[in-house]
Amino acid sequence: MFPLYYEGNMLLKKIVLRNDDQFATAILNWAGEQKIDVETFDGKASLFEVVDSLVILQEDHNVSREIKDLREAIERIHKPTHQIDVNATMNASVASLRFWLENNNPKSVLIVGEDKMVASHRFSEYLDKLAKVL
């Protein structure tokens, strides 16, 4: 498989979470196991100054209006975004994010998703497979 480090650097350097919910807790726990830095957005600075990219994890293209609005706002200021459907072909979904990280080389990635995803077996499977290629 691919190494955890890419050219001496981790592909995913820092994750930013903005809500204290089940999704954020799942990502926080996963990131801790991978030894990826995590910052919880506290509102002291503009979110758009704290992050340089956005990753949306979702199931079957179901995304809330709030997440769609966030994506549009990030794209308006010309920061890269990426959307992953955990119910798509697993290997393609994992490879897609790895490729996006390699090409965009973000330093601080805001990761968002819906709470209901946490109960999905595909969500945990995706995170397990992603850990092996980062």
C-alpha atoms as a PDB file:
ATOM      1  CA  MET A   1       0.000   0.000   0.000  1.00  0.00           C
ATOM      2  CA  PHE A   2       0.992   3.654   0.052  1.00  0.00           C
ATOM      3  CA  PRO A   3       3.163   5.030   2.859  1.00  0.00           C
ATOM      4  CA  LEU A   4       1.675   7.116   5.655  1.00  0.00           C
ATOM      5  CA  TYR A   5       4.029   9.925   4.680  1.00  0.00           C
ATOM      6  CA  TYR A   6       4.359  11.427   1.222  1.00  0.00           C
ATOM      7  CA  GLU A   7       7.743  12.936   0.346  1.00  0.00           C
ATOM      8  CA  GLY A   8       8.518  13.349   4.027  1.00  0.00           C
ATOM      9  CA  ASN A   9       5.210  15.045   4.902  1.00  0.00           C
ATOM     10  CA  MET A  10       1.870  13.765   5.998  1.00  0.00           C
ATOM     11  CA  LEU A  11      -0.735  14.381   3.341  1.00  0.00           C
ATOM     12  CA  LEU A  12      -3.264  15.494   5.921  1.00  0.00           C
ATOM     13  CA  LYS A  13      -1.424  17.921   8.180  1.00  0.00           C
ATOM     14  CA  LYS A  14      -4.209  19.461  10.238  1.00  0.00           C
ATOM     15  CA  ILE A  15      -7.956  18.910  10.448  1.00  0.00           C
ATOM     16  CA  VAL A  16     -10.265  21.688  11.560  1.00  0.00           C
ATOM     17  CA  LEU A  17     -13.649  20.811  13.040  1.00  0.00           C
ATOM     18  CA  ARG A  18     -16.335  23.414  13.631  1.00  0.00           C
ATOM     19  CA  ASN A  19     -19.074  21.650  15.560  1.00  0.00           C
ATOM     20  CA  ASP A  20     -19.113  19.642  18.740  1.00  0.00           C
ATOM     21  CA  ASP A  21     -21.263  16.811  17.424  1.00  0.00           C
ATOM     22  CA  GLN A  22     -21.082  13.071  16.740  1.00  0.00           C
ATOM     23  CA  PHE A  23     -19.453  13.559  13.339  1.00  0.00           C
ATOM     24  CA  ALA A  24     -16.747  15.835  14.748  1.00  0.00           C
ATOM     25  CA  THR A  25     -16.124  13.427  17.634  1.00  0.00           C
ATOM     26  CA  ALA A  26     -15.711  10.506  15.209  1.00  0.00           C
ATOM     27  CA  ILE A  27     -13.231  12.492  13.091  1.00  0.00           C
ATOM     28  CA  LEU A  28     -11.390  13.703  16.206  1.00  0.00           C
ATOM     29  CA  ASN A  29     -10.985  10.127  17.482  1.00  0.00           C
ATOM     30  CA  TRP A  30      -9.873   8.845  14.063  1.00  0.00           C
ATOM     31  CA  ALA A  31      -7.390  11.708  13.624  1.00  0.00           C
ATOM     32  CA  GLY A  32      -5.938  11.026  17.074  1.00  0.00           C
ATOM     33  CA  GLU A  33      -5.276   7.417  16.096  1.00  0.00           C
ATOM     34  CA  GLN A  34      -3.509   8.664  12.940  1.00  0.00           C
ATOM     35  CA  LYS A  35      -1.557  11.304  14.882  1.00  0.00           C
ATOM     36  CA  ILE A  36      -3.051  14.095  12.776  1.00  0.00           C
ATOM     37  CA  ASP A  37      -3.331  17.505  14.424  1.00  0.00           C
ATOM     38  CA  VAL A  38      -6.903  18.624  15.072  1.00  0.00           C
ATOM     39  CA  GLU A  39      -8.149  22.106  15.849  1.00  0.00           C
ATOM     40  CA  THR A  40     -11.686  22.877  16.893  1.00  0.00           C
ATOM     41  CA  PHE A  41     -12.817  26.171  15.430  1.00  0.00           C
ATOM     42  CA  ASP A  42     -13.545  28.513  18.325  1.00  0.00           C
ATOM     43  CA  GLY A  43     -14.850  31.515  16.403  1.00  0.00           C
ATOM     44  CA  LYS A  44     -12.065  33.853  17.548  1.00  0.00           C
ATOM     45  CA  ALA A  45     -10.879  34.314  13.952  1.00  0.00           C
ATOM     46  CA  SER A  46     -12.713  34.023  10.679  1.00  0.00           C
ATOM     47  CA  LEU A  47     -13.212  30.416   9.640  1.00  0.00           C
ATOM     48  CA  PHE A  48     -11.986  31.426   6.190  1.00  0.00           C
ATOM     49  CA  GLU A  49      -8.667  32.557   7.695  1.00  0.00           C
ATOM     50  CA  VAL A  50      -8.227  29.369   9.715  1.00  0.00           C
ATOM     51  CA  VAL A  51      -8.766  26.858   6.885  1.00  0.00           C
ATOM     52  CA  ASP A  52      -7.325  26.665   3.411  1.00  0.00           C
ATOM     53  CA  SER A  53      -9.598  23.895   2.098  1.00  0.00           C
ATOM     54  CA  LEU A  54     -12.810  21.968   2.711  1.00  0.00           C
ATOM     55  CA  VAL A  55     -13.630  18.259   2.552  1.00  0.00           C
ATOM     56  CA  ILE A  56     -17.249  17.132   2.736  1.00  0.00           C
ATOM     57  CA  LEU A  57     -17.965  13.530   3.682  1.00  0.00           C
ATOM     58  CA  GLN A  58     -21.482  12.457   2.771  1.00  0.00           C
ATOM     59  CA  GLU A  59     -23.694   9.521   1.868  1.00  0.00           C
ATOM     60  CA  ASP A  60     -25.557   9.243  -1.430  1.00  0.00           C
ATOM     61  CA  HIS A  61     -25.045  12.948  -2.178  1.00  0.00           C
ATOM     62  CA  ASN A  62     -27.212  13.950   0.798  1.00  0.00           C
ATOM     63  CA  VAL A  63     -25.826  17.240   2.075  1.00  0.00           C
ATOM     64  CA  SER A  64     -27.560  19.802   4.258  1.00  0.00           C
ATOM     65  CA  ARG A  65     -28.243  23.340   3.045  1.00  0.00           C
ATOM     66  CA  GLU A  66     -25.756  24.576   5.666  1.00  0.00           C
ATOM     67  CA  ILE A  67     -22.954  22.439   4.210  1.00  0.00           C
ATOM     68  CA  LYS A  68     -23.847  23.457   0.644  1.00  0.00           C
ATOM     69  CA  ASP A  69     -23.710  27.121   1.675  1.00  0.00           C
ATOM     70  CA  LEU A  70     -20.351  26.564   3.376  1.00  0.00           C
ATOM     71  CA  ARG A  71     -18.962  24.944   0.235  1.00  0.00           C
ATOM     72  CA  GLU A  72     -20.144  27.843  -1.923  1.00  0.00           C
ATOM     73  CA  ALA A  73     -18.567  30.368   0.480  1.00  0.00           C
ATOM     74  CA  ILE A  74     -15.209  28.534   0.473  1.00  0.00           C
ATOM     75  CA  GLU A  75     -15.235  28.237  -3.316  1.00  0.00           C
ATOM     76  CA  ARG A  76     -16.054  31.958  -3.687  1.00  0.00           C
ATOM     77  CA  ILE A  77     -12.762  32.806  -2.019  1.00  0.00           C
ATOM     78  CA  HIS A  78     -10.942  30.363  -4.301  1.00  0.00           C
ATOM     79  CA  LYS A  79     -10.022  27.743  -1.758  1.00  0.00           C
ATOM     80  CA  PRO A  80     -10.183  24.100  -2.876  1.00  0.00           C
ATOM     81  CA  THR A  81     -13.077  21.862  -1.877  1.00  0.00           C
ATOM     82  CA  HIS A  82     -13.645  18.159  -2.275  1.00  0.00           C
ATOM     83  CA  GLN A  83     -16.729  16.033  -1.713  1.00  0.00           C
ATOM     84  CA  ILE A  84     -16.574  12.315  -0.936  1.00  0.00           C
ATOM     85  CA  ASP A  85     -19.504   9.916  -1.030  1.00  0.00           C
ATOM     86  CA  VAL A  86     -18.672   7.080   1.355  1.00  0.00           C
ATOM     87  CA  ASN A  87     -21.259   4.882  -0.375  1.00  0.00           C
ATOM     88  CA  ALA A  88     -19.443   5.110  -3.714  1.00  0.00           C
ATOM     89  CA  THR A  89     -16.826   2.577  -4.775  1.00  0.00           C
ATOM     90  CA  MET A  90     -14.583   2.448  -1.713  1.00  0.00           C
ATOM     91  CA  ASN A  91     -11.210   2.255  -3.444  1.00  0.00           C
ATOM     92  CA  ALA A  92     -12.121   5.088  -5.807  1.00  0.00           C
ATOM     93  CA  SER A  93     -13.350   7.285  -2.941  1.00  0.00           C
ATOM     94  CA  VAL A  94     -10.183   6.743  -0.927  1.00  0.00           C
ATOM     95  CA  ALA A  95      -7.916   7.268  -3.952  1.00  0.00           C
ATOM     96  CA  SER A  96      -9.848  10.384  -4.903  1.00  0.00           C
ATOM     97  CA  LEU A  97      -9.161  12.092  -1.573  1.00  0.00           C
ATOM     98  CA  ARG A  98      -5.508  11.030  -1.580  1.00  0.00           C
ATOM     99  CA  PHE A  99      -5.069  12.422  -5.097  1.00  0.00           C
ATOM    100  CA  TRP A 100      -6.814  15.667  -4.103  1.00  0.00           C
ATOM    101  CA  LEU A 101      -4.559  16.040  -1.041  1.00  0.00           C
ATOM    102  CA  GLU A 102      -1.440  15.411  -3.140  1.00  0.00           C
ATOM    103  CA  ASN A 103      -2.472  17.988  -5.745  1.00  0.00           C
ATOM    104  CA  ASN A 104      -3.714  20.718  -3.404  1.00  0.00           C
ATOM    105  CA  ASN A 105      -1.295  20.166  -0.514  1.00  0.00           C
ATOM    106  CA  PRO A 106      -3.594  21.819   2.053  1.00  0.00           C
ATOM    107  CA  LYS A 107      -2.182  22.773   5.437  1.00  0.00           C
ATOM    108  CA  SER A 108      -5.495  23.082   7.265  1.00  0.00           C
ATOM    109  CA  VAL A 109      -8.539  21.103   6.106  1.00  0.00           C
ATOM    110  CA  LEU A 110     -12.044  21.756   7.387  1.00  0.00           C
ATOM    111  CA  ILE A 111     -13.853  18.396   7.387  1.00  0.00           C
ATOM    112  CA  VAL A 112     -17.643  18.424   7.628  1.00  0.00           C
ATOM    113  CA  GLY A 113     -20.420  15.853   7.444  1.00  0.00           C
ATOM    114  CA  GLU A 114     -23.801  14.917   8.853  1.00  0.00           C
ATOM    115  CA  ASP A 115     -24.155  13.328  12.310  1.00  0.00           C
ATOM    116  CA  LYS A 116     -26.233  10.452  10.944  1.00  0.00           C
ATOM    117  CA  MET A 117     -23.216   9.254   8.936  1.00  0.00           C
ATOM    118  CA  VAL A 118     -21.449   8.157  12.099  1.00  0.00           C
ATOM    119  CA  ALA A 119     -23.811   5.188  12.448  1.00  0.00           C
ATOM    120  CA  SER A 120     -22.972   3.992   8.935  1.00  0.00           C
ATOM    121  CA  HIS A 121     -20.677   1.007   8.539  1.00  0.00           C
ATOM    122  CA  ARG A 122     -19.450   2.560   5.270  1.00  0.00           C
ATOM    123  CA  PHE A 123     -18.280   5.675   7.123  1.00  0.00           C
ATOM    124  CA  SER A 124     -16.092   3.727   9.548  1.00  0.00           C
ATOM    125  CA  GLU A 125     -14.876   1.493   6.712  1.00  0.00           C
ATOM    126  CA  TYR A 126     -13.932   4.582   4.703  1.00  0.00           C
ATOM    127  CA  LEU A 127     -11.925   6.036   7.585  1.00  0.00           C
ATOM    128  CA  ASP A 128     -10.158   2.696   8.125  1.00  0.00           C
ATOM    129  CA  LYS A 129      -9.171   2.455   4.469  1.00  0.00           C
ATOM    130  CA  LEU A 130      -8.197   6.130   4.301  1.00  0.00           C
ATOM    131  CA  ALA A 131      -5.841   5.683   7.258  1.00  0.00           C
ATOM    132  CA  LYS A 132      -3.906   3.077   5.287  1.00  0.00           C
ATOM    133  CA  VAL A 133      -3.137   5.414   2.381  1.00  0.00           C
ATOM    134  CA  LEU A 134      -2.436   8.696   4.110  1.00  0.00           C
END
